[in-house]
Amino acid sequence: MQKNTTTNILTGISLMMLIFIQTSCTKDLEVNGGVPDLKVSLPAATFKVGEPVLFQFEGDAGLISFFSGEVFHDYEYRSGRTLEQGTLNMSFNTNVQYGTQANQFSVQASSDFNGNYTSFDNVRQATWTDITNRFTIATATTYVPSGAKDITDLIQEGKPLYLAFKYIYRPSAQNGLRRTWRVQNFNLSSTTASLGTQVIGNMTTSGFTTVDQNPQTEPTATTISATTISLVGTAVTPSTLTSETWVITKGFSTGKVDLGPDRPVAIKGIADAKLTGYAHVYEKPGTYKAYFISANANIDAKKETIQSVDVIIQP
């Protein structure tokens, strides 16, 4: 009888311990600080462009992030932003010096170049449209602005747009000395209703790459730097080949472009000291809706509050 009683007691203790362990394992940790009590206010109704806007804080939170309301930091586009097709404008400056060879320089565009710059055959197999006559081109050593020209008509929906500067060198004994063409200040911009004018390519971001027709026998002397493309014929003397050199951009996306979600700026982490405020400078006039996302969190849970403040920026 005593043996059965002892067994029952041990069994009961085991069950209680099992229940305690299960309860301990499934109970979430309490969020330190609970729901954040951060409150945001402004010291004035309006501010000037370039003037720091001081958002004043009462209360605290472990984590604070900030959407200014500006493009790419707008809470309303936190799930994603799609850029509609806008007007595409291209511009650059040119100069030319030395030599006498004619008809060496042209401006080209393609929507079916395969993006492989390793062989001249890839350039030759693409369809290129000569758009030189849309621009003002230099005739001497003084740099001449091409003018910003609309090239929207070159876009083919769903296909990338490649732009290029083409240089033809002919043997100097029969055609005169080579000329040197230089290109600076390349700019490709898109103007849309939602974002205004955005630069999508310049001298350093357009991925300019040289493709040479005769790299083994009579290589081009063309160079590309951060500021200047110098289109030059071969340095081989005497030259015997007619040769093309192309400087081609990367493929620019056309049509609607998925820009991804707008992002906030993290202004406070859990380990950071309490903030009494946060300053931000707006560079353009307008009315902005700034959002502050405050949160307290641990590995199990997150308590969050969202506040918005209207900010009026005057010129």
C-alpha atoms as a PDB file:
ATOM      1  CA  MET A   1       0.000   0.000   0.000  1.00  0.00           C
ATOM      2  CA  GLN A   2       2.814   2.376   0.910  1.00  0.00           C
ATOM      3  CA  LYS A   3       4.593   1.526  -2.329  1.00  0.00           C
ATOM      4  CA  ASN A   4       1.534   2.544  -4.391  1.00  0.00           C
ATOM      5  CA  THR A   5       1.179   5.795  -2.441  1.00  0.00           C
ATOM      6  CA  THR A   6       4.829   6.670  -3.040  1.00  0.00           C
ATOM      7  CA  THR A   7       4.438   5.928  -6.762  1.00  0.00           C
ATOM      8  CA  ASN A   8       1.383   8.177  -7.012  1.00  0.00           C
ATOM      9  CA  ILE A   9       3.191  11.037  -5.249  1.00  0.00           C
ATOM     10  CA  LEU A  10       6.191  10.755  -7.591  1.00  0.00           C
ATOM     11  CA  THR A  11       3.914  10.644 -10.611  1.00  0.00           C
ATOM     12  CA  GLY A  12       2.100  13.779  -9.428  1.00  0.00           C
ATOM     13  CA  ILE A  13       5.374  15.632  -8.886  1.00  0.00           C
ATOM     14  CA  SER A  14       6.558  14.633 -12.373  1.00  0.00           C
ATOM     15  CA  LEU A  15       3.366  15.912 -13.959  1.00  0.00           C
ATOM     16  CA  MET A  16       3.602  19.210 -12.075  1.00  0.00           C
ATOM     17  CA  MET A  17       7.224  19.624 -13.148  1.00  0.00           C
ATOM     18  CA  LEU A  18       6.301  18.874 -16.787  1.00  0.00           C
ATOM     19  CA  ILE A  19       3.488  21.444 -16.716  1.00  0.00           C
ATOM     20  CA  PHE A  20       5.851  24.020 -15.168  1.00  0.00           C
ATOM     21  CA  ILE A  21       8.514  23.401 -17.824  1.00  0.00           C
ATOM     22  CA  GLN A  22       5.980  23.623 -20.678  1.00  0.00           C
ATOM     23  CA  THR A  23       4.517  26.820 -19.234  1.00  0.00           C
ATOM     24  CA  SER A  24       7.984  28.339 -18.839  1.00  0.00           C
ATOM     25  CA  CYS A  25       8.942  27.482 -22.417  1.00  0.00           C
ATOM     26  CA  THR A  26       5.822  28.910 -23.996  1.00  0.00           C
ATOM     27  CA  LYS A  27       5.490  32.120 -21.952  1.00  0.00           C
ATOM     28  CA  ASP A  28       6.636  35.159 -23.943  1.00  0.00           C
ATOM     29  CA  LEU A  29       9.049  37.616 -22.444  1.00  0.00           C
ATOM     30  CA  GLU A  30       7.477  40.898 -21.455  1.00  0.00           C
ATOM     31  CA  VAL A  31       8.375  43.810 -23.741  1.00  0.00           C
ATOM     32  CA  ASN A  32      10.503  46.221 -21.745  1.00  0.00           C
ATOM     33  CA  GLY A  33       8.755  49.589 -21.717  1.00  0.00           C
ATOM     34  CA  GLY A  34       5.498  48.261 -23.151  1.00  0.00           C
ATOM     35  CA  VAL A  35       3.769  50.463 -25.708  1.00  0.00           C
ATOM     36  CA  PRO A  36       6.057  53.457 -26.463  1.00  0.00           C
ATOM     37  CA  ASP A  37       4.906  56.779 -25.002  1.00  0.00           C
ATOM     38  CA  LEU A  38       6.874  58.966 -27.449  1.00  0.00           C
ATOM     39  CA  LYS A  39       5.101  62.190 -28.457  1.00  0.00           C
ATOM     40  CA  VAL A  40       6.348  64.438 -31.292  1.00  0.00           C
ATOM     41  CA  SER A  41       5.722  68.163 -31.758  1.00  0.00           C
ATOM     42  CA  LEU A  42       7.123  71.162 -33.651  1.00  0.00           C
ATOM     43  CA  PRO A  43       8.204  74.534 -32.185  1.00  0.00           C
ATOM     44  CA  ALA A  44       6.748  76.514 -35.112  1.00  0.00           C
ATOM     45  CA  ALA A  45       4.147  76.229 -37.860  1.00  0.00           C
ATOM     46  CA  THR A  46       6.464  76.939 -40.796  1.00  0.00           C
ATOM     47  CA  PHE A  47      10.166  76.695 -41.619  1.00  0.00           C
ATOM     48  CA  LYS A  48      12.515  77.874 -44.371  1.00  0.00           C
ATOM     49  CA  VAL A  49      14.365  75.834 -46.988  1.00  0.00           C
ATOM     50  CA  GLY A  50      17.771  74.882 -45.582  1.00  0.00           C
ATOM     51  CA  GLU A  51      16.725  75.654 -42.003  1.00  0.00           C
ATOM     52  CA  PRO A  52      16.953  72.775 -39.490  1.00  0.00           C
ATOM     53  CA  VAL A  53      13.499  71.568 -38.461  1.00  0.00           C
ATOM     54  CA  LEU A  54      13.676  70.438 -34.838  1.00  0.00           C
ATOM     55  CA  PHE A  55      11.142  67.757 -33.987  1.00  0.00           C
ATOM     56  CA  GLN A  56      10.672  67.813 -30.210  1.00  0.00           C
ATOM     57  CA  PHE A  57      10.169  64.588 -28.245  1.00  0.00           C
ATOM     58  CA  GLU A  58       8.348  63.785 -25.012  1.00  0.00           C
ATOM     59  CA  GLY A  59       8.548  60.289 -23.634  1.00  0.00           C
ATOM     60  CA  ASP A  60      10.815  57.595 -25.052  1.00  0.00           C
ATOM     61  CA  ALA A  61      11.083  54.409 -27.098  1.00  0.00           C
ATOM     62  CA  GLY A  62      13.758  51.793 -27.599  1.00  0.00           C
ATOM     63  CA  LEU A  63      13.681  52.166 -31.373  1.00  0.00           C
ATOM     64  CA  ILE A  64      12.793  55.266 -33.415  1.00  0.00           C
ATOM     65  CA  SER A  65      12.780  55.590 -37.209  1.00  0.00           C
ATOM     66  CA  PHE A  66      11.889  58.603 -39.333  1.00  0.00           C
ATOM     67  CA  PHE A  67      10.169  59.155 -42.690  1.00  0.00           C
ATOM     68  CA  SER A  68      10.773  62.783 -43.720  1.00  0.00           C
ATOM     69  CA  GLY A  69       8.037  62.767 -46.379  1.00  0.00           C
ATOM     70  CA  GLU A  70      10.557  63.544 -49.099  1.00  0.00           C
ATOM     71  CA  VAL A  71      10.978  61.448 -52.238  1.00  0.00           C
ATOM     72  CA  PHE A  72      12.372  57.990 -51.379  1.00  0.00           C
ATOM     73  CA  HIS A  73      11.632  58.621 -47.675  1.00  0.00           C
ATOM     74  CA  ASP A  74       7.844  58.885 -47.881  1.00  0.00           C
ATOM     75  CA  TYR A  75       5.771  56.688 -45.551  1.00  0.00           C
ATOM     76  CA  GLU A  76       2.992  56.442 -48.137  1.00  0.00           C
ATOM     77  CA  TYR A  77       5.391  54.547 -50.453  1.00  0.00           C
ATOM     78  CA  ARG A  78       6.749  52.181 -47.811  1.00  0.00           C
ATOM     79  CA  SER A  79       5.332  49.189 -49.715  1.00  0.00           C
ATOM     80  CA  GLY A  80       6.912  50.199 -53.023  1.00  0.00           C
ATOM     81  CA  ARG A  81       7.221  52.949 -55.613  1.00  0.00           C
ATOM     82  CA  THR A  82       6.790  52.614 -59.386  1.00  0.00           C
ATOM     83  CA  LEU A  83       8.219  55.278 -61.656  1.00  0.00           C
ATOM     84  CA  GLU A  84       6.128  55.948 -64.730  1.00  0.00           C
ATOM     85  CA  GLN A  85       7.790  56.522 -68.083  1.00  0.00           C
ATOM     86  CA  GLY A  86       8.652  60.195 -68.490  1.00  0.00           C
ATOM     87  CA  THR A  87      10.291  62.442 -71.043  1.00  0.00           C
ATOM     88  CA  LEU A  88      13.874  61.330 -71.677  1.00  0.00           C
ATOM     89  CA  ASN A  89      16.411  64.083 -72.346  1.00  0.00           C
ATOM     90  CA  MET A  90      20.064  63.698 -73.322  1.00  0.00           C
ATOM     91  CA  SER A  91      22.858  66.265 -73.404  1.00  0.00           C
ATOM     92  CA  PHE A  92      26.662  66.454 -73.528  1.00  0.00           C
ATOM     93  CA  ASN A  93      29.510  68.767 -74.553  1.00  0.00           C
ATOM     94  CA  THR A  94      32.007  68.111 -77.365  1.00  0.00           C
ATOM     95  CA  ASN A  95      35.206  69.540 -78.760  1.00  0.00           C
ATOM     96  CA  VAL A  96      37.493  68.442 -81.612  1.00  0.00           C
ATOM     97  CA  GLN A  97      41.115  69.153 -82.409  1.00  0.00           C
ATOM     98  CA  TYR A  98      44.055  68.091 -84.575  1.00  0.00           C
ATOM     99  CA  GLY A  99      43.916  66.432 -87.968  1.00  0.00           C
ATOM    100  CA  THR A 100      41.645  66.804 -90.952  1.00  0.00           C
ATOM    101  CA  GLN A 101      39.636  63.585 -91.258  1.00  0.00           C
ATOM    102  CA  ALA A 102      35.925  64.210 -91.827  1.00  0.00           C
ATOM    103  CA  ASN A 103      32.808  62.335 -90.701  1.00  0.00           C
ATOM    104  CA  GLN A 104      34.528  60.567 -87.855  1.00  0.00           C
ATOM    105  CA  PHE A 105      32.156  61.218 -84.961  1.00  0.00           C
ATOM    106  CA  SER A 106      28.501  60.244 -84.476  1.00  0.00           C
ATOM    107  CA  VAL A 107      25.934  59.616 -81.728  1.00  0.00           C
ATOM    108  CA  GLN A 108      24.067  56.299 -81.819  1.00  0.00           C
ATOM    109  CA  ALA A 109      21.208  54.547 -79.998  1.00  0.00           C
ATOM    110  CA  SER A 110      20.035  50.929 -79.859  1.00  0.00           C
ATOM    111  CA  SER A 111      17.381  48.839 -78.125  1.00  0.00           C
ATOM    112  CA  ASP A 112      18.602  45.461 -79.331  1.00  0.00           C
ATOM    113  CA  PHE A 113      22.307  45.527 -78.476  1.00  0.00           C
ATOM    114  CA  ASN A 114      22.871  42.414 -76.366  1.00  0.00           C
ATOM    115  CA  GLY A 115      24.961  44.163 -73.724  1.00  0.00           C
ATOM    116  CA  ASN A 116      28.068  42.057 -74.459  1.00  0.00           C
ATOM    117  CA  TYR A 117      31.017  44.430 -74.889  1.00  0.00           C
ATOM    118  CA  THR A 118      33.675  41.738 -75.368  1.00  0.00           C
ATOM    119  CA  SER A 119      33.452  41.492 -79.159  1.00  0.00           C
ATOM    120  CA  PHE A 120      32.929  44.007 -81.942  1.00  0.00           C
ATOM    121  CA  ASP A 121      30.644  41.462 -83.654  1.00  0.00           C
ATOM    122  CA  ASN A 122      28.037  42.097 -80.946  1.00  0.00           C
ATOM    123  CA  VAL A 123      28.008  45.798 -81.839  1.00  0.00           C
ATOM    124  CA  ARG A 124      27.839  45.074 -85.565  1.00  0.00           C
ATOM    125  CA  GLN A 125      24.882  42.715 -85.156  1.00  0.00           C
ATOM    126  CA  ALA A 126      22.790  45.292 -83.260  1.00  0.00           C
ATOM    127  CA  THR A 127      20.482  47.819 -84.872  1.00  0.00           C
ATOM    128  CA  TRP A 128      21.748  51.371 -84.277  1.00  0.00           C
ATOM    129  CA  THR A 129      19.975  54.651 -84.995  1.00  0.00           C
ATOM    130  CA  ASP A 130      22.170  57.640 -85.846  1.00  0.00           C
ATOM    131  CA  ILE A 131      20.881  60.602 -83.798  1.00  0.00           C
ATOM    132  CA  THR A 132      23.827  62.958 -84.354  1.00  0.00           C
ATOM    133  CA  ASN A 133      21.759  65.560 -86.189  1.00  0.00           C
ATOM    134  CA  ARG A 134      19.596  66.120 -83.115  1.00  0.00           C
ATOM    135  CA  PHE A 135      22.507  67.741 -81.320  1.00  0.00           C
ATOM    136  CA  THR A 136      24.857  70.675 -81.751  1.00  0.00           C
ATOM    137  CA  ILE A 137      28.348  69.246 -82.354  1.00  0.00           C
ATOM    138  CA  ALA A 138      31.646  71.103 -81.956  1.00  0.00           C
ATOM    139  CA  THR A 139      33.795  72.159 -84.908  1.00  0.00           C
ATOM    140  CA  ALA A 140      36.874  73.363 -82.975  1.00  0.00           C
ATOM    141  CA  THR A 141      38.707  73.110 -79.651  1.00  0.00           C
ATOM    142  CA  THR A 142      36.110  75.103 -77.679  1.00  0.00           C
ATOM    143  CA  TYR A 143      33.651  72.824 -75.889  1.00  0.00           C
ATOM    144  CA  VAL A 144      30.147  73.228 -77.285  1.00  0.00           C
ATOM    145  CA  PRO A 145      26.942  72.204 -75.419  1.00  0.00           C
ATOM    146  CA  SER A 146      24.821  69.827 -77.480  1.00  0.00           C
ATOM    147  CA  GLY A 147      21.590  71.144 -76.002  1.00  0.00           C
ATOM    148  CA  ALA A 148      19.200  68.950 -73.993  1.00  0.00           C
ATOM    149  CA  LYS A 149      17.291  66.951 -76.615  1.00  0.00           C
ATOM    150  CA  ASP A 150      14.215  64.765 -76.241  1.00  0.00           C
ATOM    151  CA  ILE A 151      14.992  61.142 -77.163  1.00  0.00           C
ATOM    152  CA  THR A 152      11.815  59.600 -75.734  1.00  0.00           C
ATOM    153  CA  ASP A 153      10.878  58.323 -79.202  1.00  0.00           C
ATOM    154  CA  LEU A 154      13.814  55.899 -79.097  1.00  0.00           C
ATOM    155  CA  ILE A 155      12.307  53.929 -76.222  1.00  0.00           C
ATOM    156  CA  GLN A 156      10.919  50.498 -76.968  1.00  0.00           C
ATOM    157  CA  GLU A 157       8.697  49.242 -74.157  1.00  0.00           C
ATOM    158  CA  GLY A 158      10.331  46.517 -72.121  1.00  0.00           C
ATOM    159  CA  LYS A 159      13.747  46.898 -73.766  1.00  0.00           C
ATOM    160  CA  PRO A 160      16.854  48.664 -72.443  1.00  0.00           C
ATOM    161  CA  LEU A 161      18.190  51.705 -74.265  1.00  0.00           C
ATOM    162  CA  TYR A 162      21.895  51.855 -75.105  1.00  0.00           C
ATOM    163  CA  LEU A 163      23.561  55.106 -76.168  1.00  0.00           C
ATOM    164  CA  ALA A 164      26.946  55.353 -77.839  1.00  0.00           C
ATOM    165  CA  PHE A 165      29.580  57.631 -79.311  1.00  0.00           C
ATOM    166  CA  LYS A 166      31.003  56.141 -82.505  1.00  0.00           C
ATOM    167  CA  TYR A 167      34.389  57.064 -83.982  1.00  0.00           C
ATOM    168  CA  ILE A 168      35.679  55.972 -87.418  1.00  0.00           C
ATOM    169  CA  TYR A 169      39.396  56.080 -88.168  1.00  0.00           C
ATOM    170  CA  ARG A 170      40.695  55.735 -91.720  1.00  0.00           C
ATOM    171  CA  PRO A 171      44.345  55.241 -92.737  1.00  0.00           C
ATOM    172  CA  SER A 172      46.006  58.651 -92.543  1.00  0.00           C
ATOM    173  CA  ALA A 173      48.076  58.318 -95.732  1.00  0.00           C
ATOM    174  CA  GLN A 174      44.910  58.432 -97.838  1.00  0.00           C
ATOM    175  CA  ASN A 175      42.544  60.355 -95.554  1.00  0.00           C
ATOM    176  CA  GLY A 176      44.609  62.858 -93.625  1.00  0.00           C
ATOM    177  CA  LEU A 177      45.645  62.945 -90.001  1.00  0.00           C
ATOM    178  CA  ARG A 178      43.325  61.621 -87.336  1.00  0.00           C
ATOM    179  CA  ARG A 179      41.261  63.975 -85.181  1.00  0.00           C
ATOM    180  CA  THR A 180      40.614  63.771 -81.448  1.00  0.00           C
ATOM    181  CA  TRP A 181      37.008  64.092 -80.318  1.00  0.00           C
ATOM    182  CA  ARG A 182      36.221  64.701 -76.670  1.00  0.00           C
ATOM    183  CA  VAL A 183      32.926  64.330 -74.798  1.00  0.00           C
ATOM    184  CA  GLN A 184      32.183  65.808 -71.372  1.00  0.00           C
ATOM    185  CA  ASN A 185      29.163  66.471 -69.132  1.00  0.00           C
ATOM    186  CA  PHE A 186      27.062  63.598 -70.449  1.00  0.00           C
ATOM    187  CA  ASN A 187      23.615  63.724 -68.858  1.00  0.00           C
ATOM    188  CA  LEU A 188      20.553  61.536 -69.311  1.00  0.00           C
ATOM    189  CA  SER A 189      17.488  62.612 -67.328  1.00  0.00           C
ATOM    190  CA  SER A 190      13.860  61.594 -67.032  1.00  0.00           C
ATOM    191  CA  THR A 191      11.082  64.049 -66.206  1.00  0.00           C
ATOM    192  CA  THR A 192       7.977  62.524 -64.609  1.00  0.00           C
ATOM    193  CA  ALA A 193       4.857  63.881 -62.957  1.00  0.00           C
ATOM    194  CA  SER A 194       5.550  62.179 -59.620  1.00  0.00           C
ATOM    195  CA  LEU A 195       9.289  62.752 -59.205  1.00  0.00           C
ATOM    196  CA  GLY A 196      10.030  65.734 -61.410  1.00  0.00           C
ATOM    197  CA  THR A 197      13.394  65.576 -63.208  1.00  0.00           C
ATOM    198  CA  GLN A 198      15.730  62.792 -62.120  1.00  0.00           C
ATOM    199  CA  VAL A 199      19.236  62.191 -63.513  1.00  0.00           C
ATOM    200  CA  ILE A 200      19.504  58.542 -64.543  1.00  0.00           C
ATOM    201  CA  GLY A 201      22.946  58.671 -66.136  1.00  0.00           C
ATOM    202  CA  ASN A 202      26.026  60.912 -66.101  1.00  0.00           C
ATOM    203  CA  MET A 203      29.748  60.625 -66.822  1.00  0.00           C
ATOM    204  CA  THR A 204      30.414  58.344 -63.864  1.00  0.00           C
ATOM    205  CA  THR A 205      27.180  56.321 -63.600  1.00  0.00           C
ATOM    206  CA  SER A 206      26.447  55.472 -67.247  1.00  0.00           C
ATOM    207  CA  GLY A 207      28.839  52.529 -67.475  1.00  0.00           C
ATOM    208  CA  PHE A 208      30.726  53.747 -70.544  1.00  0.00           C
ATOM    209  CA  THR A 209      32.684  50.881 -72.145  1.00  0.00           C
ATOM    210  CA  THR A 210      34.989  50.915 -75.169  1.00  0.00           C
ATOM    211  CA  VAL A 211      34.477  48.355 -77.949  1.00  0.00           C
ATOM    212  CA  ASP A 212      37.308  48.314 -80.519  1.00  0.00           C
ATOM    213  CA  GLN A 213      37.060  46.805 -83.999  1.00  0.00           C
ATOM    214  CA  ASN A 214      40.753  45.869 -84.299  1.00  0.00           C
ATOM    215  CA  PRO A 215      42.139  45.545 -80.756  1.00  0.00           C
ATOM    216  CA  GLN A 216      44.857  43.058 -81.712  1.00  0.00           C
ATOM    217  CA  THR A 217      46.261  44.615 -84.879  1.00  0.00           C
ATOM    218  CA  GLU A 218      45.625  48.363 -84.639  1.00  0.00           C
ATOM    219  CA  PRO A 219      44.198  49.103 -81.153  1.00  0.00           C
ATOM    220  CA  THR A 220      42.449  52.376 -80.480  1.00  0.00           C
ATOM    221  CA  ALA A 221      44.024  55.085 -78.355  1.00  0.00           C
ATOM    222  CA  THR A 222      40.591  56.048 -76.973  1.00  0.00           C
ATOM    223  CA  THR A 223      40.408  56.692 -73.222  1.00  0.00           C
ATOM    224  CA  ILE A 224      37.616  57.145 -70.678  1.00  0.00           C
ATOM    225  CA  SER A 225      38.011  59.091 -67.437  1.00  0.00           C
ATOM    226  CA  ALA A 226      35.575  60.348 -64.805  1.00  0.00           C
ATOM    227  CA  THR A 227      35.216  63.638 -66.699  1.00  0.00           C
ATOM    228  CA  THR A 228      36.152  63.025 -70.340  1.00  0.00           C
ATOM    229  CA  ILE A 229      35.788  60.526 -73.152  1.00  0.00           C
ATOM    230  CA  SER A 230      38.647  61.024 -75.644  1.00  0.00           C
ATOM    231  CA  LEU A 231      37.956  59.314 -78.963  1.00  0.00           C
ATOM    232  CA  VAL A 232      41.215  58.803 -80.858  1.00  0.00           C
ATOM    233  CA  GLY A 233      42.300  56.549 -83.717  1.00  0.00           C
ATOM    234  CA  THR A 234      45.032  53.965 -83.569  1.00  0.00           C
ATOM    235  CA  ALA A 235      48.543  54.912 -82.518  1.00  0.00           C
ATOM    236  CA  VAL A 236      50.030  52.322 -84.913  1.00  0.00           C
ATOM    237  CA  THR A 237      52.186  53.887 -87.667  1.00  0.00           C
ATOM    238  CA  PRO A 238      51.744  53.435 -90.513  1.00  0.00           C
ATOM    239  CA  SER A 239      48.089  52.475 -90.135  1.00  0.00           C
ATOM    240  CA  THR A 240      46.493  50.349 -92.826  1.00  0.00           C
ATOM    241  CA  LEU A 241      42.988  49.577 -91.505  1.00  0.00           C
ATOM    242  CA  THR A 242      39.740  51.464 -91.387  1.00  0.00           C
ATOM    243  CA  SER A 243      38.617  50.919 -87.805  1.00  0.00           C
ATOM    244  CA  GLU A 244      35.601  51.756 -85.643  1.00  0.00           C
ATOM    245  CA  THR A 245      35.713  52.538 -81.946  1.00  0.00           C
ATOM    246  CA  TRP A 246      32.482  52.636 -79.944  1.00  0.00           C
ATOM    247  CA  VAL A 247      32.017  53.966 -76.422  1.00  0.00           C
ATOM    248  CA  ILE A 248      28.712  52.512 -75.241  1.00  0.00           C
ATOM    249  CA  THR A 249      26.650  53.107 -72.103  1.00  0.00           C
ATOM    250  CA  LYS A 250      25.045  50.474 -69.953  1.00  0.00           C
ATOM    251  CA  GLY A 251      21.474  49.542 -70.838  1.00  0.00           C
ATOM    252  CA  PHE A 252      19.090  52.096 -69.335  1.00  0.00           C
ATOM    253  CA  SER A 253      15.747  50.723 -68.166  1.00  0.00           C
ATOM    254  CA  THR A 254      12.759  52.159 -69.982  1.00  0.00           C
ATOM    255  CA  GLY A 255       9.012  52.056 -69.425  1.00  0.00           C
ATOM    256  CA  LYS A 256       7.755  51.740 -65.860  1.00  0.00           C
ATOM    257  CA  VAL A 257      10.514  51.133 -63.325  1.00  0.00           C
ATOM    258  CA  ASP A 258      10.046  49.456 -59.933  1.00  0.00           C
ATOM    259  CA  LEU A 259      12.059  51.599 -57.518  1.00  0.00           C
ATOM    260  CA  GLY A 260      11.316  49.423 -54.513  1.00  0.00           C
ATOM    261  CA  PRO A 261       9.986  50.682 -51.173  1.00  0.00           C
ATOM    262  CA  ASP A 262      10.779  54.073 -49.654  1.00  0.00           C
ATOM    263  CA  ARG A 263      12.912  53.660 -46.546  1.00  0.00           C
ATOM    264  CA  PRO A 264      12.959  55.371 -43.147  1.00  0.00           C
ATOM    265  CA  VAL A 265      16.066  56.643 -41.388  1.00  0.00           C
ATOM    266  CA  ALA A 266      16.878  54.918 -38.092  1.00  0.00           C
ATOM    267  CA  ILE A 267      17.518  57.671 -35.530  1.00  0.00           C
ATOM    268  CA  LYS A 268      17.631  55.687 -32.289  1.00  0.00           C
ATOM    269  CA  GLY A 269      18.597  52.159 -31.323  1.00  0.00           C
ATOM    270  CA  ILE A 270      17.934  50.221 -28.134  1.00  0.00           C
ATOM    271  CA  ALA A 271      21.411  50.918 -26.773  1.00  0.00           C
ATOM    272  CA  ASP A 272      21.250  54.657 -27.510  1.00  0.00           C
ATOM    273  CA  ALA A 273      20.526  57.305 -24.905  1.00  0.00           C
ATOM    274  CA  LYS A 274      17.101  58.919 -24.699  1.00  0.00           C
ATOM    275  CA  LEU A 275      16.472  61.578 -27.360  1.00  0.00           C
ATOM    276  CA  THR A 276      14.832  64.909 -26.644  1.00  0.00           C
ATOM    277  CA  GLY A 277      14.499  65.794 -30.310  1.00  0.00           C
ATOM    278  CA  TYR A 278      15.681  65.273 -33.870  1.00  0.00           C
ATOM    279  CA  ALA A 279      16.688  67.853 -36.502  1.00  0.00           C
ATOM    280  CA  HIS A 280      16.199  67.482 -40.254  1.00  0.00           C
ATOM    281  CA  VAL A 281      16.843  69.923 -43.132  1.00  0.00           C
ATOM    282  CA  TYR A 282      14.456  70.115 -46.102  1.00  0.00           C
ATOM    283  CA  GLU A 283      16.011  71.339 -49.353  1.00  0.00           C
ATOM    284  CA  LYS A 284      12.810  72.069 -51.287  1.00  0.00           C
ATOM    285  CA  PRO A 285       9.692  74.076 -50.396  1.00  0.00           C
ATOM    286  CA  GLY A 286       6.408  72.260 -49.895  1.00  0.00           C
ATOM    287  CA  THR A 287       4.176  70.575 -47.340  1.00  0.00           C
ATOM    288  CA  TYR A 288       5.566  67.306 -46.018  1.00  0.00           C
ATOM    289  CA  LYS A 289       4.022  64.688 -43.750  1.00  0.00           C
ATOM    290  CA  ALA A 290       6.774  63.373 -41.500  1.00  0.00           C
ATOM    291  CA  TYR A 291       6.260  60.031 -39.740  1.00  0.00           C
ATOM    292  CA  PHE A 292       7.955  58.704 -36.626  1.00  0.00           C
ATOM    293  CA  ILE A 293       7.769  54.972 -35.956  1.00  0.00           C
ATOM    294  CA  SER A 294       8.576  54.234 -32.313  1.00  0.00           C
ATOM    295  CA  ALA A 295       8.852  50.714 -30.906  1.00  0.00           C
ATOM    296  CA  ASN A 296       9.854  48.635 -27.925  1.00  0.00           C
ATOM    297  CA  ALA A 297      10.742  45.063 -28.777  1.00  0.00           C
ATOM    298  CA  ASN A 298      12.350  41.800 -27.727  1.00  0.00           C
ATOM    299  CA  ILE A 299      12.798  38.450 -29.447  1.00  0.00           C
ATOM    300  CA  ASP A 300       9.151  37.517 -28.845  1.00  0.00           C
ATOM    301  CA  ALA A 301       7.149  40.661 -29.459  1.00  0.00           C
ATOM    302  CA  LYS A 302       7.078  44.265 -30.568  1.00  0.00           C
ATOM    303  CA  LYS A 303       4.996  47.198 -29.342  1.00  0.00           C
ATOM    304  CA  GLU A 304       4.789  50.035 -31.859  1.00  0.00           C
ATOM    305  CA  THR A 305       3.221  53.454 -32.323  1.00  0.00           C
ATOM    306  CA  ILE A 306       3.102  55.629 -35.439  1.00  0.00           C
ATOM    307  CA  GLN A 307       2.802  59.425 -35.397  1.00  0.00           C
ATOM    308  CA  SER A 308       2.688  61.959 -38.228  1.00  0.00           C
ATOM    309  CA  VAL A 309       3.494  65.677 -38.213  1.00  0.00           C
ATOM    310  CA  ASP A 310       2.776  68.145 -41.029  1.00  0.00           C
ATOM    311  CA  VAL A 311       5.841  70.220 -41.937  1.00  0.00           C
ATOM    312  CA  ILE A 312       5.439  73.372 -44.057  1.00  0.00           C
ATOM    313  CA  ILE A 313       8.641  74.500 -45.781  1.00  0.00           C
ATOM    314  CA  GLN A 314       8.705  77.940 -47.350  1.00  0.00           C
ATOM    315  CA  PRO A 315      11.262  79.217 -49.931  1.00  0.00           C
END
